[in-house]
Structures are given as C-alpha cells and as structure tokens.
Amino acid sequence: MAEVVLNNSQKNVVRRYVETWRRWRPGIRGFRTLETDMENRLEVLVDGIAVDDMPGRQVIAADTKDDEFHAAIFRGDDDAVPDMTAQQVQQARRYILSGEGAMPVRTWRLPTPGIDAGVVALRRTATQR
C-alpha cells in the first residue's frame, strides 16, 4: 500500500467532506480514527475513503461506502444524492472543495399525516408524563 502524504489544505478537504457527510447522509460510519489515519499516511482512510496526494487530482479518489455522495462532490453530479437539491449539492461542493461559504443545512423531513404523525403524538404524550 502506498504512503500518502497530505498537506494541510488536502486534510481540510477531507475533514470538510466527513463533516458534511455526517450532516447529510443516513447511517453511521466510523470516522473516529480519521486524524490518526491521515497522520499515518494511509492510502485508505476510515471507512473506505481513499485519498490521493498527487498534484492535479482530487484528494478523495473514492468513497467505497457512499459513491453517490462522492459523485456529487468530486464528479460534479448534481443529481447523485436524491435528498439534496442541485443548489444544496453545489453549496456543499463549494464548501468541501474550497472552504467557501457555509455547509448547507439539512431540513429534516417533517412528519406526514398518518403513521408518522401518530408516532410523534405518542412520543409527545409519553414525554409529558
């Protein structure tokens, strides 16, 4: 396995990618060792994030656990992540790649009438006791 030496700018891209992924994507990923993995110059960081330190290439070469999110950010696919609008993807891309602007804020789905609303009502009742 190759040794990958990331500069501070490249490390910041990786950090912003992980931070944004956590806010936007469902699931749990083990990002705990991210900093250690970067310091140890690993080619594949936590949970399947492959990095590349070659000039002119994207620092995150692949994300084996979430190719859709990787495509949205690094391959310019505004439609890759169905729960993000094209504008949100572009804002996330700008934030991750260049640190410009702010990370877009996810608006979580509100309960819909029917089963979701009933579950919310039951939870509210339970917490009021």
C-alpha atoms as a PDB file:
ATOM      1  CA  MET A   1       0.000   0.000   0.000  1.00  0.00           C
ATOM      2  CA  ALA A   2       1.338   3.419  -0.952  1.00  0.00           C
ATOM      3  CA  GLU A   3       2.176   6.084   1.586  1.00  0.00           C
ATOM      4  CA  VAL A   4       0.054   9.210   1.034  1.00  0.00           C
ATOM      5  CA  VAL A   5       1.317  12.491   2.447  1.00  0.00           C
ATOM      6  CA  LEU A   6      -1.494  15.021   2.559  1.00  0.00           C
ATOM      7  CA  ASN A   7      -0.746  18.703   3.023  1.00  0.00           C
ATOM      8  CA  ASN A   8      -2.885  20.819   5.370  1.00  0.00           C
ATOM      9  CA  SER A   9      -5.129  22.027   2.555  1.00  0.00           C
ATOM     10  CA  GLN A  10      -5.840  18.442   1.447  1.00  0.00           C
ATOM     11  CA  LYS A  11      -6.501  17.353   5.031  1.00  0.00           C
ATOM     12  CA  ASN A  12      -9.000  20.188   5.379  1.00  0.00           C
ATOM     13  CA  VAL A  13     -10.876  18.974   2.293  1.00  0.00           C
ATOM     14  CA  VAL A  14     -11.087  15.502   3.842  1.00  0.00           C
ATOM     15  CA  ARG A  15     -12.297  16.957   7.146  1.00  0.00           C
ATOM     16  CA  ARG A  16     -14.976  19.073   5.456  1.00  0.00           C
ATOM     17  CA  TYR A  17     -16.098  16.069   3.390  1.00  0.00           C
ATOM     18  CA  VAL A  18     -16.538  13.951   6.535  1.00  0.00           C
ATOM     19  CA  GLU A  19     -18.256  16.781   8.404  1.00  0.00           C
ATOM     20  CA  THR A  20     -20.704  17.361   5.557  1.00  0.00           C
ATOM     21  CA  TRP A  21     -21.335  13.640   5.058  1.00  0.00           C
ATOM     22  CA  ARG A  22     -22.298  13.306   8.723  1.00  0.00           C
ATOM     23  CA  ARG A  23     -24.907  16.039   8.427  1.00  0.00           C
ATOM     24  CA  TRP A  24     -26.456  14.908   5.154  1.00  0.00           C
ATOM     25  CA  ARG A  25     -26.269  11.153   4.811  1.00  0.00           C
ATOM     26  CA  PRO A  26     -28.097   8.433   6.726  1.00  0.00           C
ATOM     27  CA  GLY A  27     -26.162   5.833   8.617  1.00  0.00           C
ATOM     28  CA  ILE A  28     -23.267   5.630  10.973  1.00  0.00           C
ATOM     29  CA  ARG A  29     -19.671   5.497   9.875  1.00  0.00           C
ATOM     30  CA  GLY A  30     -16.552   5.041  11.972  1.00  0.00           C
ATOM     31  CA  PHE A  31     -14.707   8.317  11.421  1.00  0.00           C
ATOM     32  CA  ARG A  32     -13.047   8.222  14.842  1.00  0.00           C
ATOM     33  CA  THR A  33      -9.576   7.454  13.528  1.00  0.00           C
ATOM     34  CA  LEU A  34      -9.594   9.997  10.693  1.00  0.00           C
ATOM     35  CA  GLU A  35      -6.827  12.204  12.109  1.00  0.00           C
ATOM     36  CA  THR A  36      -4.658   9.216  13.045  1.00  0.00           C
ATOM     37  CA  ASP A  37      -5.112   7.661   9.607  1.00  0.00           C
ATOM     38  CA  MET A  38      -4.054  10.907   7.910  1.00  0.00           C
ATOM     39  CA  GLU A  39      -1.023  11.243  10.187  1.00  0.00           C
ATOM     40  CA  ASN A  40      -0.095   7.610   9.474  1.00  0.00           C
ATOM     41  CA  ARG A  41      -0.216   8.438   5.742  1.00  0.00           C
ATOM     42  CA  LEU A  42      -2.686   5.693   4.885  1.00  0.00           C
ATOM     43  CA  GLU A  43      -3.998   5.446   1.333  1.00  0.00           C
ATOM     44  CA  VAL A  44      -7.437   4.341   2.518  1.00  0.00           C
ATOM     45  CA  LEU A  45      -8.694   6.278   5.499  1.00  0.00           C
ATOM     46  CA  VAL A  46     -11.511   5.455   7.853  1.00  0.00           C
ATOM     47  CA  ASP A  47     -14.475   3.612   6.490  1.00  0.00           C
ATOM     48  CA  GLY A  48     -13.413   3.391   2.846  1.00  0.00           C
ATOM     49  CA  ILE A  49     -12.281   6.913   1.962  1.00  0.00           C
ATOM     50  CA  ALA A  50      -9.384   6.549  -0.493  1.00  0.00           C
ATOM     51  CA  VAL A  51      -7.084   9.570  -0.773  1.00  0.00           C
ATOM     52  CA  ASP A  52      -4.592  10.719  -3.384  1.00  0.00           C
ATOM     53  CA  ASP A  53      -1.807  13.253  -2.835  1.00  0.00           C
ATOM     54  CA  MET A  54      -0.813  13.658  -6.497  1.00  0.00           C
ATOM     55  CA  PRO A  55      -0.974  17.247  -7.812  1.00  0.00           C
ATOM     56  CA  GLY A  56      -3.897  17.900 -10.126  1.00  0.00           C
ATOM     57  CA  ARG A  57      -6.027  15.059  -8.758  1.00  0.00           C
ATOM     58  CA  GLN A  58      -8.910  15.171  -6.313  1.00  0.00           C
ATOM     59  CA  VAL A  59      -7.716  14.460  -2.781  1.00  0.00           C
ATOM     60  CA  ILE A  60     -10.558  11.991  -2.212  1.00  0.00           C
ATOM     61  CA  ALA A  61     -10.217   9.486  -5.025  1.00  0.00           C
ATOM     62  CA  ALA A  62     -13.130   7.298  -3.910  1.00  0.00           C
ATOM     63  CA  ASP A  63     -15.592   6.670  -1.119  1.00  0.00           C
ATOM     64  CA  THR A  64     -16.387   2.967  -1.210  1.00  0.00           C
ATOM     65  CA  LYS A  65     -19.173   3.326   1.367  1.00  0.00           C
ATOM     66  CA  ASP A  66     -21.015   6.150  -0.432  1.00  0.00           C
ATOM     67  CA  ASP A  67     -20.235   6.512  -4.123  1.00  0.00           C
ATOM     68  CA  GLU A  68     -23.318   8.716  -4.641  1.00  0.00           C
ATOM     69  CA  PHE A  69     -22.094  11.403  -2.251  1.00  0.00           C
ATOM     70  CA  HIS A  70     -18.579  11.163  -3.707  1.00  0.00           C
ATOM     71  CA  ALA A  71     -20.026  11.589  -7.230  1.00  0.00           C
ATOM     72  CA  ALA A  72     -21.982  14.652  -6.131  1.00  0.00           C
ATOM     73  CA  ILE A  73     -18.937  16.344  -4.651  1.00  0.00           C
ATOM     74  CA  PHE A  74     -15.992  15.207  -6.772  1.00  0.00           C
ATOM     75  CA  ARG A  75     -17.554  14.292 -10.113  1.00  0.00           C
ATOM     76  CA  GLY A  76     -19.952  17.227 -10.334  1.00  0.00           C
ATOM     77  CA  ASP A  77     -23.125  15.130 -10.405  1.00  0.00           C
ATOM     78  CA  ASP A  78     -25.829  17.458  -9.064  1.00  0.00           C
ATOM     79  CA  ASP A  79     -28.411  14.650  -9.190  1.00  0.00           C
ATOM     80  CA  ALA A  80     -26.401  11.921  -7.441  1.00  0.00           C
ATOM     81  CA  VAL A  81     -27.907  12.475  -3.984  1.00  0.00           C
ATOM     82  CA  PRO A  82     -31.722  12.377  -4.239  1.00  0.00           C
ATOM     83  CA  ASP A  83     -32.404  14.158  -0.938  1.00  0.00           C
ATOM     84  CA  MET A  84     -30.269  17.204  -1.852  1.00  0.00           C
ATOM     85  CA  THR A  85     -31.289  19.858  -4.339  1.00  0.00           C
ATOM     86  CA  ALA A  86     -28.823  20.850  -7.052  1.00  0.00           C
ATOM     87  CA  GLN A  87     -28.285  24.126  -5.185  1.00  0.00           C
ATOM     88  CA  GLN A  88     -27.500  22.283  -1.930  1.00  0.00           C
ATOM     89  CA  VAL A  89     -25.076  19.966  -3.735  1.00  0.00           C
ATOM     90  CA  GLN A  90     -23.326  22.953  -5.321  1.00  0.00           C
ATOM     91  CA  GLN A  91     -23.117  24.718  -1.956  1.00  0.00           C
ATOM     92  CA  ALA A  92     -21.733  21.559  -0.305  1.00  0.00           C
ATOM     93  CA  ARG A  93     -19.233  21.103  -3.151  1.00  0.00           C
ATOM     94  CA  ARG A  94     -18.002  24.698  -2.840  1.00  0.00           C
ATOM     95  CA  TYR A  95     -17.708  24.326   0.953  1.00  0.00           C
ATOM     96  CA  ILE A  96     -15.887  20.983   0.807  1.00  0.00           C
ATOM     97  CA  LEU A  97     -13.517  21.681  -2.077  1.00  0.00           C
ATOM     98  CA  SER A  98     -12.527  25.264  -1.357  1.00  0.00           C
ATOM     99  CA  GLY A  99     -13.825  26.077   2.122  1.00  0.00           C
ATOM    100  CA  GLU A 100     -16.001  28.852   0.689  1.00  0.00           C
ATOM    101  CA  GLY A 101     -19.366  29.717   2.129  1.00  0.00           C
ATOM    102  CA  ALA A 102     -21.030  27.501   4.666  1.00  0.00           C
ATOM    103  CA  MET A 103     -22.135  23.927   4.720  1.00  0.00           C
ATOM    104  CA  PRO A 104     -25.764  23.736   3.620  1.00  0.00           C
ATOM    105  CA  VAL A 105     -28.162  22.959   6.447  1.00  0.00           C
ATOM    106  CA  ARG A 106     -30.328  19.903   6.059  1.00  0.00           C
ATOM    107  CA  THR A 107     -34.041  20.389   6.578  1.00  0.00           C
ATOM    108  CA  TRP A 108     -35.186  17.124   8.050  1.00  0.00           C
ATOM    109  CA  ARG A 109     -38.444  15.692   6.811  1.00  0.00           C
ATOM    110  CA  LEU A 110     -41.428  16.770   8.861  1.00  0.00           C
ATOM    111  CA  PRO A 111     -43.905  14.100   9.937  1.00  0.00           C
ATOM    112  CA  THR A 112     -46.611  13.399   7.400  1.00  0.00           C
ATOM    113  CA  PRO A 113     -50.247  12.855   8.325  1.00  0.00           C
ATOM    114  CA  GLY A 114     -50.975   9.267   9.190  1.00  0.00           C
ATOM    115  CA  ILE A 115     -48.497   6.909  10.787  1.00  0.00           C
ATOM    116  CA  ASP A 116     -45.668   9.439  11.245  1.00  0.00           C
ATOM    117  CA  ALA A 117     -47.971  11.956  12.923  1.00  0.00           C
ATOM    118  CA  GLY A 118     -49.351   9.250  15.215  1.00  0.00           C
ATOM    119  CA  VAL A 119     -45.883   8.219  16.306  1.00  0.00           C
ATOM    120  CA  VAL A 120     -44.939  11.838  17.032  1.00  0.00           C
ATOM    121  CA  ALA A 121     -48.143  12.308  19.050  1.00  0.00           C
ATOM    122  CA  LEU A 122     -47.413   9.165  21.081  1.00  0.00           C
ATOM    123  CA  ARG A 123     -43.855  10.315  21.776  1.00  0.00           C
ATOM    124  CA  ARG A 124     -45.059  13.752  22.895  1.00  0.00           C
ATOM    125  CA  THR A 125     -47.622  12.146  25.208  1.00  0.00           C
ATOM    126  CA  ALA A 126     -45.011   9.804  26.662  1.00  0.00           C
ATOM    127  CA  THR A 127     -42.566  12.655  27.376  1.00  0.00           C
ATOM    128  CA  GLN A 128     -45.260  14.771  29.052  1.00  0.00           C
ATOM    129  CA  ARG A 129     -45.941  12.087  31.690  1.00  0.00           C
END
